[in-house]
């Protein structure tokens, strides 16, 4: 294991994560973090020349439709559904004194 994690690093990560770790948990976390960093070093050894970077494994396409107004100004039709209305709104009884 080439990457050795210090006790100070584990303490700092514990503070950031708001974790209270026992000594056994700290040692286990140090080993786990070291193994993760070793694996990342191994991945860095791979030859990635000619490999195009990607943000997702599968091709992702925008599925949103264009925002087109289809039935925009139907205020008169909507206001006709109320028993009493003004030019802009329904007329209702006052509920707050």
PDB file of N, CA and C in Angstrom:
ATOM      1  N   UNK A   1       0.860  -1.180   0.000  1.00  0.00           N
ATOM      2  CA  UNK A   1       0.000   0.000   0.000  1.00  0.00           C
ATOM      3  C   UNK A   1       0.898   1.232   0.000  1.00  0.00           C
ATOM      4  N   UNK A   2       0.942   1.916  -1.120  1.00  0.00           N
ATOM      5  CA  UNK A   2       1.832   3.059  -1.282  1.00  0.00           C
ATOM      6  C   UNK A   2       1.276   4.320  -0.632  1.00  0.00           C
ATOM      7  N   UNK A   3      -0.040   4.459  -0.606  1.00  0.00           N
ATOM      8  CA  UNK A   3      -0.660   5.653  -0.038  1.00  0.00           C
ATOM      9  C   UNK A   3      -0.955   5.413   1.445  1.00  0.00           C
ATOM     10  N   UNK A   4      -0.259   6.152   2.292  1.00  0.00           N
ATOM     11  CA  UNK A   4      -0.452   6.029   3.729  1.00  0.00           C
ATOM     12  C   UNK A   4      -1.207   7.271   4.199  1.00  0.00           C
ATOM     13  N   UNK A   5      -2.317   7.050   4.854  1.00  0.00           N
ATOM     14  CA  UNK A   5      -3.152   8.138   5.358  1.00  0.00           C
ATOM     15  C   UNK A   5      -2.737   8.430   6.797  1.00  0.00           C
ATOM     16  N   UNK A   6      -2.536   9.690   7.103  1.00  0.00           N
ATOM     17  CA  UNK A   6      -2.107  10.057   8.458  1.00  0.00           C
ATOM     18  C   UNK A   6      -3.306  10.147   9.400  1.00  0.00           C
ATOM     19  N   UNK A   7      -2.991  10.118  10.690  1.00  0.00           N
ATOM     20  CA  UNK A   7      -4.034  10.260  11.707  1.00  0.00           C
ATOM     21  C   UNK A   7      -4.704  11.631  11.601  1.00  0.00           C
ATOM     22  N   UNK A   8      -3.910  12.652  11.262  1.00  0.00           N
ATOM     23  CA  UNK A   8      -4.462  14.008  11.144  1.00  0.00           C
ATOM     24  C   UNK A   8      -5.485  14.072  10.011  1.00  0.00           C
ATOM     25  N   UNK A   9      -5.214  13.358   8.921  1.00  0.00           N
ATOM     26  CA  UNK A   9      -6.153  13.345   7.800  1.00  0.00           C
ATOM     27  C   UNK A   9      -7.463  12.683   8.206  1.00  0.00           C
ATOM     28  N   UNK A  10      -7.369  11.577   8.925  1.00  0.00           N
ATOM     29  CA  UNK A  10      -8.578  10.890   9.392  1.00  0.00           C
ATOM     30  C   UNK A  10      -9.360  11.775  10.345  1.00  0.00           C
ATOM     31  N   UNK A  11      -8.663  12.466  11.234  1.00  0.00           N
ATOM     32  CA  UNK A  11      -9.336  13.387  12.162  1.00  0.00           C
ATOM     33  C   UNK A  11     -10.058  14.489  11.388  1.00  0.00           C
ATOM     34  N   UNK A  12      -9.381  15.040  10.384  1.00  0.00           N
ATOM     35  CA  UNK A  12      -9.960  16.123   9.590  1.00  0.00           C
ATOM     36  C   UNK A  12     -11.190  15.647   8.822  1.00  0.00           C
ATOM     37  N   UNK A  13     -11.090  14.485   8.194  1.00  0.00           N
ATOM     38  CA  UNK A  13     -12.232  13.936   7.461  1.00  0.00           C
ATOM     39  C   UNK A  13     -13.380  13.652   8.425  1.00  0.00           C
ATOM     40  N   UNK A  14     -13.068  13.155   9.614  1.00  0.00           N
ATOM     41  CA  UNK A  14     -14.099  12.911  10.619  1.00  0.00           C
ATOM     42  C   UNK A  14     -14.808  14.192  11.029  1.00  0.00           C
ATOM     43  N   UNK A  15     -14.055  15.264  11.161  1.00  0.00           N
ATOM     44  CA  UNK A  15     -14.661  16.563  11.514  1.00  0.00           C
ATOM     45  C   UNK A  15     -15.564  17.042  10.379  1.00  0.00           C
ATOM     46  N   UNK A  16     -15.071  16.939   9.138  1.00  0.00           N
ATOM     47  CA  UNK A  16     -15.874  17.374   7.999  1.00  0.00           C
ATOM     48  C   UNK A  16     -17.159  16.564   7.876  1.00  0.00           C
ATOM     49  N   UNK A  17     -17.078  15.262   8.145  1.00  0.00           N
ATOM     50  CA  UNK A  17     -18.242  14.395   8.016  1.00  0.00           C
ATOM     51  C   UNK A  17     -19.073  14.358   9.289  1.00  0.00           C
ATOM     52  N   UNK A  18     -18.625  15.086  10.319  1.00  0.00           N
ATOM     53  CA  UNK A  18     -19.312  15.118  11.618  1.00  0.00           C
ATOM     54  C   UNK A  18     -19.488  13.706  12.167  1.00  0.00           C
ATOM     55  N   UNK A  19     -18.364  12.958  12.162  1.00  0.00           N
ATOM     56  CA  UNK A  19     -18.357  11.583  12.665  1.00  0.00           C
ATOM     57  C   UNK A  19     -17.482  11.500  13.902  1.00  0.00           C
ATOM     58  N   UNK A  20     -17.917  10.723  14.852  1.00  0.00           N
ATOM     59  CA  UNK A  20     -17.088  10.401  16.009  1.00  0.00           C
ATOM     60  C   UNK A  20     -16.649   8.959  15.834  1.00  0.00           C
ATOM     61  N   UNK A  21     -15.373   8.766  15.527  1.00  0.00           N
ATOM     62  CA  UNK A  21     -14.860   7.438  15.239  1.00  0.00           C
ATOM     63  C   UNK A  21     -14.041   6.915  16.415  1.00  0.00           C
ATOM     64  N   UNK A  22     -14.207   5.641  16.702  1.00  0.00           N
ATOM     65  CA  UNK A  22     -13.357   5.001  17.703  1.00  0.00           C
ATOM     66  C   UNK A  22     -11.995   4.746  17.077  1.00  0.00           C
ATOM     67  N   UNK A  23     -11.030   4.336  17.893  1.00  0.00           N
ATOM     68  CA  UNK A  23      -9.689   4.072  17.366  1.00  0.00           C
ATOM     69  C   UNK A  23      -9.708   2.953  16.333  1.00  0.00           C
ATOM     70  N   UNK A  24     -10.522   1.915  16.565  1.00  0.00           N
ATOM     71  CA  UNK A  24     -10.610   0.814  15.603  1.00  0.00           C
ATOM     72  C   UNK A  24     -11.209   1.297  14.280  1.00  0.00           C
ATOM     73  N   UNK A  25     -12.234   2.157  14.366  1.00  0.00           N
ATOM     74  CA  UNK A  25     -12.865   2.697  13.157  1.00  0.00           C
ATOM     75  C   UNK A  25     -11.905   3.609  12.394  1.00  0.00           C
ATOM     76  N   UNK A  26     -11.089   4.360  13.135  1.00  0.00           N
ATOM     77  CA  UNK A  26     -10.097   5.224  12.483  1.00  0.00           C
ATOM     78  C   UNK A  26      -9.076   4.390  11.724  1.00  0.00           C
ATOM     79  N   UNK A  27      -8.622   3.306  12.328  1.00  0.00           N
ATOM     80  CA  UNK A  27      -7.651   2.440  11.653  1.00  0.00           C
ATOM     81  C   UNK A  27      -8.263   1.795  10.411  1.00  0.00           C
ATOM     82  N   UNK A  28      -9.520   1.348  10.531  1.00  0.00           N
ATOM     83  CA  UNK A  28     -10.197   0.748   9.378  1.00  0.00           C
ATOM     84  C   UNK A  28     -10.384   1.784   8.271  1.00  0.00           C
ATOM     85  N   UNK A  29     -10.732   3.019   8.637  1.00  0.00           N
ATOM     86  CA  UNK A  29     -10.910   4.087   7.647  1.00  0.00           C
ATOM     87  C   UNK A  29      -9.587   4.403   6.962  1.00  0.00           C
ATOM     88  N   UNK A  30      -8.484   4.409   7.730  1.00  0.00           N
ATOM     89  CA  UNK A  30      -7.168   4.662   7.129  1.00  0.00           C
ATOM     90  C   UNK A  30      -6.828   3.585   6.106  1.00  0.00           C
ATOM     91  N   UNK A  31      -7.081   2.320   6.444  1.00  0.00           N
ATOM     92  CA  UNK A  31      -6.804   1.238   5.502  1.00  0.00           C
ATOM     93  C   UNK A  31      -7.675   1.366   4.255  1.00  0.00           C
ATOM     94  N   UNK A  32      -8.981   1.642   4.456  1.00  0.00           N
ATOM     95  CA  UNK A  32      -9.904   1.767   3.318  1.00  0.00           C
ATOM     96  C   UNK A  32      -9.516   2.926   2.404  1.00  0.00           C
ATOM     97  N   UNK A  33      -9.204   4.072   2.997  1.00  0.00           N
ATOM     98  CA  UNK A  33      -8.825   5.225   2.184  1.00  0.00           C
ATOM     99  C   UNK A  33      -7.525   4.959   1.436  1.00  0.00           C
ATOM    100  N   UNK A  34      -6.585   4.286   2.071  1.00  0.00           N
ATOM    101  CA  UNK A  34      -5.335   3.932   1.410  1.00  0.00           C
ATOM    102  C   UNK A  34      -5.576   3.018   0.221  1.00  0.00           C
ATOM    103  N   UNK A  35      -6.461   2.030   0.387  1.00  0.00           N
ATOM    104  CA  UNK A  35      -6.781   1.122  -0.718  1.00  0.00           C
ATOM    105  C   UNK A  35      -7.467   1.871  -1.859  1.00  0.00           C
ATOM    106  N   UNK A  36      -8.346   2.808  -1.519  1.00  0.00           N
ATOM    107  CA  UNK A  36      -9.014   3.598  -2.565  1.00  0.00           C
ATOM    108  C   UNK A  36      -7.995   4.407  -3.362  1.00  0.00           C
ATOM    109  N   UNK A  37      -7.059   5.048  -2.665  1.00  0.00           N
ATOM    110  CA  UNK A  37      -6.050   5.855  -3.360  1.00  0.00           C
ATOM    111  C   UNK A  37      -5.111   4.979  -4.184  1.00  0.00           C
ATOM    112  N   UNK A  38      -4.803   3.784  -3.684  1.00  0.00           N
ATOM    113  CA  UNK A  38      -3.994   2.851  -4.470  1.00  0.00           C
ATOM    114  C   UNK A  38      -4.717   2.461  -5.756  1.00  0.00           C
ATOM    115  N   UNK A  39      -6.017   2.238  -5.665  1.00  0.00           N
ATOM    116  CA  UNK A  39      -6.791   1.870  -6.850  1.00  0.00           C
ATOM    117  C   UNK A  39      -6.816   3.020  -7.856  1.00  0.00           C
ATOM    118  N   UNK A  40      -6.953   4.231  -7.355  1.00  0.00           N
ATOM    119  CA  UNK A  40      -6.935   5.398  -8.246  1.00  0.00           C
ATOM    120  C   UNK A  40      -5.580   5.505  -8.935  1.00  0.00           C
ATOM    121  N   UNK A  41      -4.488   5.242  -8.192  1.00  0.00           N
ATOM    122  CA  UNK A  41      -3.161   5.255  -8.816  1.00  0.00           C
ATOM    123  C   UNK A  41      -3.069   4.202  -9.903  1.00  0.00           C
ATOM    124  N   UNK A  42      -3.645   3.031  -9.659  1.00  0.00           N
ATOM    125  CA  UNK A  42      -3.631   1.962 -10.667  1.00  0.00           C
ATOM    126  C   UNK A  42      -4.409   2.397 -11.911  1.00  0.00           C
ATOM    127  N   UNK A  43      -5.552   3.075 -11.718  1.00  0.00           N
ATOM    128  CA  UNK A  43      -6.330   3.564 -12.856  1.00  0.00           C
ATOM    129  C   UNK A  43      -5.561   4.619 -13.643  1.00  0.00           C
ATOM    130  N   UNK A  44      -4.762   5.418 -12.949  1.00  0.00           N
ATOM    131  CA  UNK A  44      -3.970   6.452 -13.626  1.00  0.00           C
ATOM    132  C   UNK A  44      -2.902   5.854 -14.529  1.00  0.00           C
ATOM    133  N   UNK A  45      -2.552   4.587 -14.331  1.00  0.00           N
ATOM    134  CA  UNK A  45      -1.563   3.931 -15.173  1.00  0.00           C
ATOM    135  C   UNK A  45      -2.135   3.514 -16.526  1.00  0.00           C
ATOM    136  N   UNK A  46      -3.446   3.504 -16.665  1.00  0.00           N
ATOM    137  CA  UNK A  46      -4.071   3.073 -17.908  1.00  0.00           C
ATOM    138  C   UNK A  46      -3.774   4.044 -19.045  1.00  0.00           C
ATOM    139  N   UNK A  47      -3.599   3.504 -20.239  1.00  0.00           N
ATOM    140  CA  UNK A  47      -3.375   4.313 -21.427  1.00  0.00           C
ATOM    141  C   UNK A  47      -4.748   4.753 -21.959  1.00  0.00           C
ATOM    142  N   UNK A  48      -5.034   6.023 -21.841  1.00  0.00           N
ATOM    143  CA  UNK A  48      -6.334   6.538 -22.278  1.00  0.00           C
ATOM    144  C   UNK A  48      -6.203   7.429 -23.512  1.00  0.00           C
ATOM    145  N   UNK A  49      -5.090   7.327 -24.204  1.00  0.00           N
ATOM    146  CA  UNK A  49      -4.931   8.108 -25.438  1.00  0.00           C
ATOM    147  C   UNK A  49      -5.972   7.652 -26.447  1.00  0.00           C
ATOM    148  N   UNK A  50      -6.648   8.586 -27.066  1.00  0.00           N
ATOM    149  CA  UNK A  50      -7.655   8.275 -28.067  1.00  0.00           C
ATOM    150  C   UNK A  50      -9.016   7.951 -27.491  1.00  0.00           C
ATOM    151  N   UNK A  51      -9.145   7.975 -26.168  1.00  0.00           N
ATOM    152  CA  UNK A  51     -10.440   7.714 -25.547  1.00  0.00           C
ATOM    153  C   UNK A  51     -11.105   9.055 -25.288  1.00  0.00           C
ATOM    154  N   UNK A  52     -12.279   9.244 -25.857  1.00  0.00           N
ATOM    155  CA  UNK A  52     -12.984  10.505 -25.710  1.00  0.00           C
ATOM    156  C   UNK A  52     -13.626  10.599 -24.319  1.00  0.00           C
ATOM    157  N   UNK A  53     -13.424  11.705 -23.605  1.00  0.00           N
ATOM    158  CA  UNK A  53     -14.037  11.852 -22.280  1.00  0.00           C
ATOM    159  C   UNK A  53     -15.562  11.843 -22.387  1.00  0.00           C
ATOM    160  N   UNK A  54     -16.203  11.319 -21.360  1.00  0.00           N
ATOM    161  CA  UNK A  54     -17.663  11.287 -21.345  1.00  0.00           C
ATOM    162  C   UNK A  54     -18.158  11.588 -19.941  1.00  0.00           C
ATOM    163  N   UNK A  55     -19.368  12.075 -19.872  1.00  0.00           N
ATOM    164  CA  UNK A  55     -19.958  12.375 -18.575  1.00  0.00           C
ATOM    165  C   UNK A  55     -20.891  11.272 -18.114  1.00  0.00           C
ATOM    166  N   UNK A  56     -21.236  10.354 -19.015  1.00  0.00           N
ATOM    167  CA  UNK A  56     -22.166   9.282 -18.686  1.00  0.00           C
ATOM    168  C   UNK A  56     -21.844   8.074 -19.551  1.00  0.00           C
ATOM    169  N   UNK A  57     -22.099   6.888 -19.021  1.00  0.00           N
ATOM    170  CA  UNK A  57     -21.796   5.671 -19.753  1.00  0.00           C
ATOM    171  C   UNK A  57     -22.701   5.522 -20.969  1.00  0.00           C
ATOM    172  N   UNK A  58     -23.956   5.866 -20.821  1.00  0.00           N
ATOM    173  CA  UNK A  58     -24.921   5.749 -21.901  1.00  0.00           C
ATOM    174  C   UNK A  58     -25.072   7.097 -22.596  1.00  0.00           C
ATOM    175  N   UNK A  59     -25.428   7.100 -23.875  1.00  0.00           N
ATOM    176  CA  UNK A  59     -25.649   8.391 -24.541  1.00  0.00           C
ATOM    177  C   UNK A  59     -26.880   9.085 -23.957  1.00  0.00           C
ATOM    178  N   UNK A  60     -26.698  10.311 -23.548  1.00  0.00           N
ATOM    179  CA  UNK A  60     -27.777  11.069 -22.931  1.00  0.00           C
ATOM    180  C   UNK A  60     -28.136  12.214 -23.874  1.00  0.00           C
ATOM    181  N   UNK A  61     -29.412  12.330 -24.176  1.00  0.00           N
ATOM    182  CA  UNK A  61     -29.880  13.394 -25.058  1.00  0.00           C
ATOM    183  C   UNK A  61     -30.905  14.238 -24.309  1.00  0.00           C
ATOM    184  N   UNK A  62     -30.978  15.491 -24.673  1.00  0.00           N
ATOM    185  CA  UNK A  62     -31.953  16.382 -24.071  1.00  0.00           C
ATOM    186  C   UNK A  62     -33.359  15.921 -24.469  1.00  0.00           C
ATOM    187  N   UNK A  63     -34.198  15.651 -23.489  1.00  0.00           N
ATOM    188  CA  UNK A  63     -35.544  15.155 -23.775  1.00  0.00           C
ATOM    189  C   UNK A  63     -36.601  16.250 -23.618  1.00  0.00           C
ATOM    190  N   UNK A  64     -36.158  17.463 -23.403  1.00  0.00           N
ATOM    191  CA  UNK A  64     -37.116  18.554 -23.249  1.00  0.00           C
ATOM    192  C   UNK A  64     -37.633  19.001 -24.608  1.00  0.00           C
ATOM    193  N   UNK A  65     -38.886  19.378 -24.653  1.00  0.00           N
ATOM    194  CA  UNK A  65     -39.465  19.869 -25.893  1.00  0.00           C
ATOM    195  C   UNK A  65     -39.296  21.383 -25.946  1.00  0.00           C
ATOM    196  N   UNK A  66     -39.483  21.937 -27.103  1.00  0.00           N
ATOM    197  CA  UNK A  66     -39.448  23.386 -27.238  1.00  0.00           C
ATOM    198  C   UNK A  66     -40.625  23.988 -26.491  1.00  0.00           C
ATOM    199  N   UNK A  67     -40.414  25.128 -25.869  1.00  0.00           N
ATOM    200  CA  UNK A  67     -41.472  25.796 -25.124  1.00  0.00           C
ATOM    201  C   UNK A  67     -42.258  26.681 -26.085  1.00  0.00           C
ATOM    202  N   UNK A  68     -43.359  26.144 -26.606  1.00  0.00           N
ATOM    203  CA  UNK A  68     -44.175  26.844 -27.583  1.00  0.00           C
ATOM    204  C   UNK A  68     -45.562  27.050 -26.990  1.00  0.00           C
ATOM    205  N   UNK A  69     -46.047  28.286 -27.022  1.00  0.00           N
ATOM    206  CA  UNK A  69     -47.391  28.591 -26.537  1.00  0.00           C
ATOM    207  C   UNK A  69     -48.393  28.119 -27.574  1.00  0.00           C
ATOM    208  N   UNK A  70     -49.327  27.274 -27.146  1.00  0.00           N
ATOM    209  CA  UNK A  70     -50.299  26.724 -28.086  1.00  0.00           C
ATOM    210  C   UNK A  70     -51.677  27.383 -27.968  1.00  0.00           C
ATOM    211  N   UNK A  71     -52.120  27.627 -26.750  1.00  0.00           N
ATOM    212  CA  UNK A  71     -53.429  28.250 -26.559  1.00  0.00           C
ATOM    213  C   UNK A  71     -53.276  29.351 -25.519  1.00  0.00           C
ATOM    214  N   UNK A  72     -52.584  30.406 -25.902  1.00  0.00           N
ATOM    215  CA  UNK A  72     -52.163  31.436 -24.979  1.00  0.00           C
ATOM    216  C   UNK A  72     -53.243  32.281 -24.355  1.00  0.00           C
ATOM    217  N   UNK A  73     -53.982  33.057 -25.121  1.00  0.00           N
ATOM    218  CA  UNK A  73     -54.877  34.056 -24.548  1.00  0.00           C
ATOM    219  C   UNK A  73     -56.314  33.550 -24.571  1.00  0.00           C
ATOM    220  N   UNK A  74     -56.687  32.812 -23.541  1.00  0.00           N
ATOM    221  CA  UNK A  74     -58.054  32.280 -23.446  1.00  0.00           C
ATOM    222  C   UNK A  74     -58.738  32.814 -22.190  1.00  0.00           C
ATOM    223  N   UNK A  75     -58.354  34.016 -21.774  1.00  0.00           N
ATOM    224  CA  UNK A  75     -58.889  34.595 -20.552  1.00  0.00           C
ATOM    225  C   UNK A  75     -60.408  34.718 -20.597  1.00  0.00           C
ATOM    226  N   UNK A  76     -60.952  35.174 -21.703  1.00  0.00           N
ATOM    227  CA  UNK A  76     -62.404  35.351 -21.795  1.00  0.00           C
ATOM    228  C   UNK A  76     -63.130  34.012 -21.650  1.00  0.00           C
ATOM    229  N   UNK A  77     -62.585  32.980 -22.251  1.00  0.00           N
ATOM    230  CA  UNK A  77     -63.204  31.657 -22.173  1.00  0.00           C
ATOM    231  C   UNK A  77     -63.187  31.153 -20.734  1.00  0.00           C
ATOM    232  N   UNK A  78     -62.081  31.343 -20.058  1.00  0.00           N
ATOM    233  CA  UNK A  78     -61.978  30.888 -18.673  1.00  0.00           C
ATOM    234  C   UNK A  78     -62.881  31.693 -17.747  1.00  0.00           C
ATOM    235  N   UNK A  79     -62.904  32.989 -17.913  1.00  0.00           N
ATOM    236  CA  UNK A  79     -63.740  33.825 -17.049  1.00  0.00           C
ATOM    237  C   UNK A  79     -65.223  33.584 -17.290  1.00  0.00           C
ATOM    238  N   UNK A  80     -65.589  33.085 -18.438  1.00  0.00           N
ATOM    239  CA  UNK A  80     -66.994  32.787 -18.719  1.00  0.00           C
ATOM    240  C   UNK A  80     -67.512  31.642 -17.857  1.00  0.00           C
ATOM    241  N   UNK A  81     -66.624  30.863 -17.234  1.00  0.00           N
ATOM    242  CA  UNK A  81     -67.034  29.747 -16.381  1.00  0.00           C
ATOM    243  C   UNK A  81     -67.502  30.198 -15.000  1.00  0.00           C
ATOM    244  N   UNK A  82     -67.200  31.418 -14.620  1.00  0.00           N
ATOM    245  CA  UNK A  82     -67.589  31.899 -13.296  1.00  0.00           C
ATOM    246  C   UNK A  82     -68.936  32.582 -13.312  1.00  0.00           C
ATOM    247  N   UNK A  83     -69.624  32.603 -12.158  1.00  0.00           N
ATOM    248  CA  UNK A  83     -70.937  33.250 -12.107  1.00  0.00           C
ATOM    249  C   UNK A  83     -70.852  34.771 -12.236  1.00  0.00           C
ATOM    250  N   UNK A  84     -69.744  35.355 -11.713  1.00  0.00           N
ATOM    251  CA  UNK A  84     -69.578  36.804 -11.809  1.00  0.00           C
ATOM    252  C   UNK A  84     -68.091  37.091 -11.962  1.00  0.00           C
ATOM    253  N   UNK A  85     -67.766  37.982 -12.883  1.00  0.00           N
ATOM    254  CA  UNK A  85     -66.349  38.275 -13.114  1.00  0.00           C
ATOM    255  C   UNK A  85     -66.192  39.704 -13.591  1.00  0.00           C
ATOM    256  N   UNK A  86     -64.958  40.196 -13.455  1.00  0.00           N
ATOM    257  CA  UNK A  86     -64.596  41.494 -14.020  1.00  0.00           C
ATOM    258  C   UNK A  86     -63.806  41.218 -15.293  1.00  0.00           C
ATOM    259  N   UNK A  87     -63.112  42.231 -15.781  1.00  0.00           N
ATOM    260  CA  UNK A  87     -62.318  42.033 -16.995  1.00  0.00           C
ATOM    261  C   UNK A  87     -61.106  41.130 -16.751  1.00  0.00           C
ATOM    262  N   UNK A  88     -60.673  40.997 -15.482  1.00  0.00           N
ATOM    263  CA  UNK A  88     -59.436  40.287 -15.209  1.00  0.00           C
ATOM    264  C   UNK A  88     -59.557  39.119 -14.239  1.00  0.00           C
ATOM    265  N   UNK A  89     -60.661  39.029 -13.464  1.00  0.00           N
ATOM    266  CA  UNK A  89     -60.709  38.015 -12.413  1.00  0.00           C
ATOM    267  C   UNK A  89     -62.145  37.655 -12.062  1.00  0.00           C
ATOM    268  N   UNK A  90     -62.269  36.529 -11.319  1.00  0.00           N
ATOM    269  CA  UNK A  90     -63.576  36.137 -10.794  1.00  0.00           C
ATOM    270  C   UNK A  90     -63.910  37.035  -9.611  1.00  0.00           C
ATOM    271  N   UNK A  91     -65.190  37.339  -9.420  1.00  0.00           N
ATOM    272  CA  UNK A  91     -65.640  38.100  -8.278  1.00  0.00           C
ATOM    273  C   UNK A  91     -66.159  37.122  -7.237  1.00  0.00           C
ATOM    274  N   UNK A  92     -65.567  37.202  -6.012  1.00  0.00           N
ATOM    275  CA  UNK A  92     -65.951  36.304  -4.939  1.00  0.00           C
ATOM    276  C   UNK A  92     -66.277  37.113  -3.695  1.00  0.00           C
ATOM    277  N   UNK A  93     -67.012  36.540  -2.746  1.00  0.00           N
ATOM    278  CA  UNK A  93     -67.310  37.271  -1.515  1.00  0.00           C
ATOM    279  C   UNK A  93     -66.025  37.536  -0.715  1.00  0.00           C
ATOM    280  N   UNK A  94     -66.017  38.629   0.001  1.00  0.00           N
ATOM    281  CA  UNK A  94     -64.873  38.993   0.841  1.00  0.00           C
ATOM    282  C   UNK A  94     -64.802  38.030   2.017  1.00  0.00           C
ATOM    283  N   UNK A  95     -63.641  37.485   2.279  1.00  0.00           N
ATOM    284  CA  UNK A  95     -63.517  36.512   3.367  1.00  0.00           C
ATOM    285  C   UNK A  95     -62.712  37.033   4.542  1.00  0.00           C
ATOM    286  N   UNK A  96     -62.021  38.144   4.406  1.00  0.00           N
ATOM    287  CA  UNK A  96     -61.225  38.709   5.490  1.00  0.00           C
ATOM    288  C   UNK A  96     -61.755  40.093   5.809  1.00  0.00           C
ATOM    289  N   UNK A  97     -61.965  40.323   7.075  1.00  0.00           N
ATOM    290  CA  UNK A  97     -62.480  41.634   7.514  1.00  0.00           C
ATOM    291  C   UNK A  97     -61.344  42.573   7.793  1.00  0.00           C
TER     292      UNK A  97
END
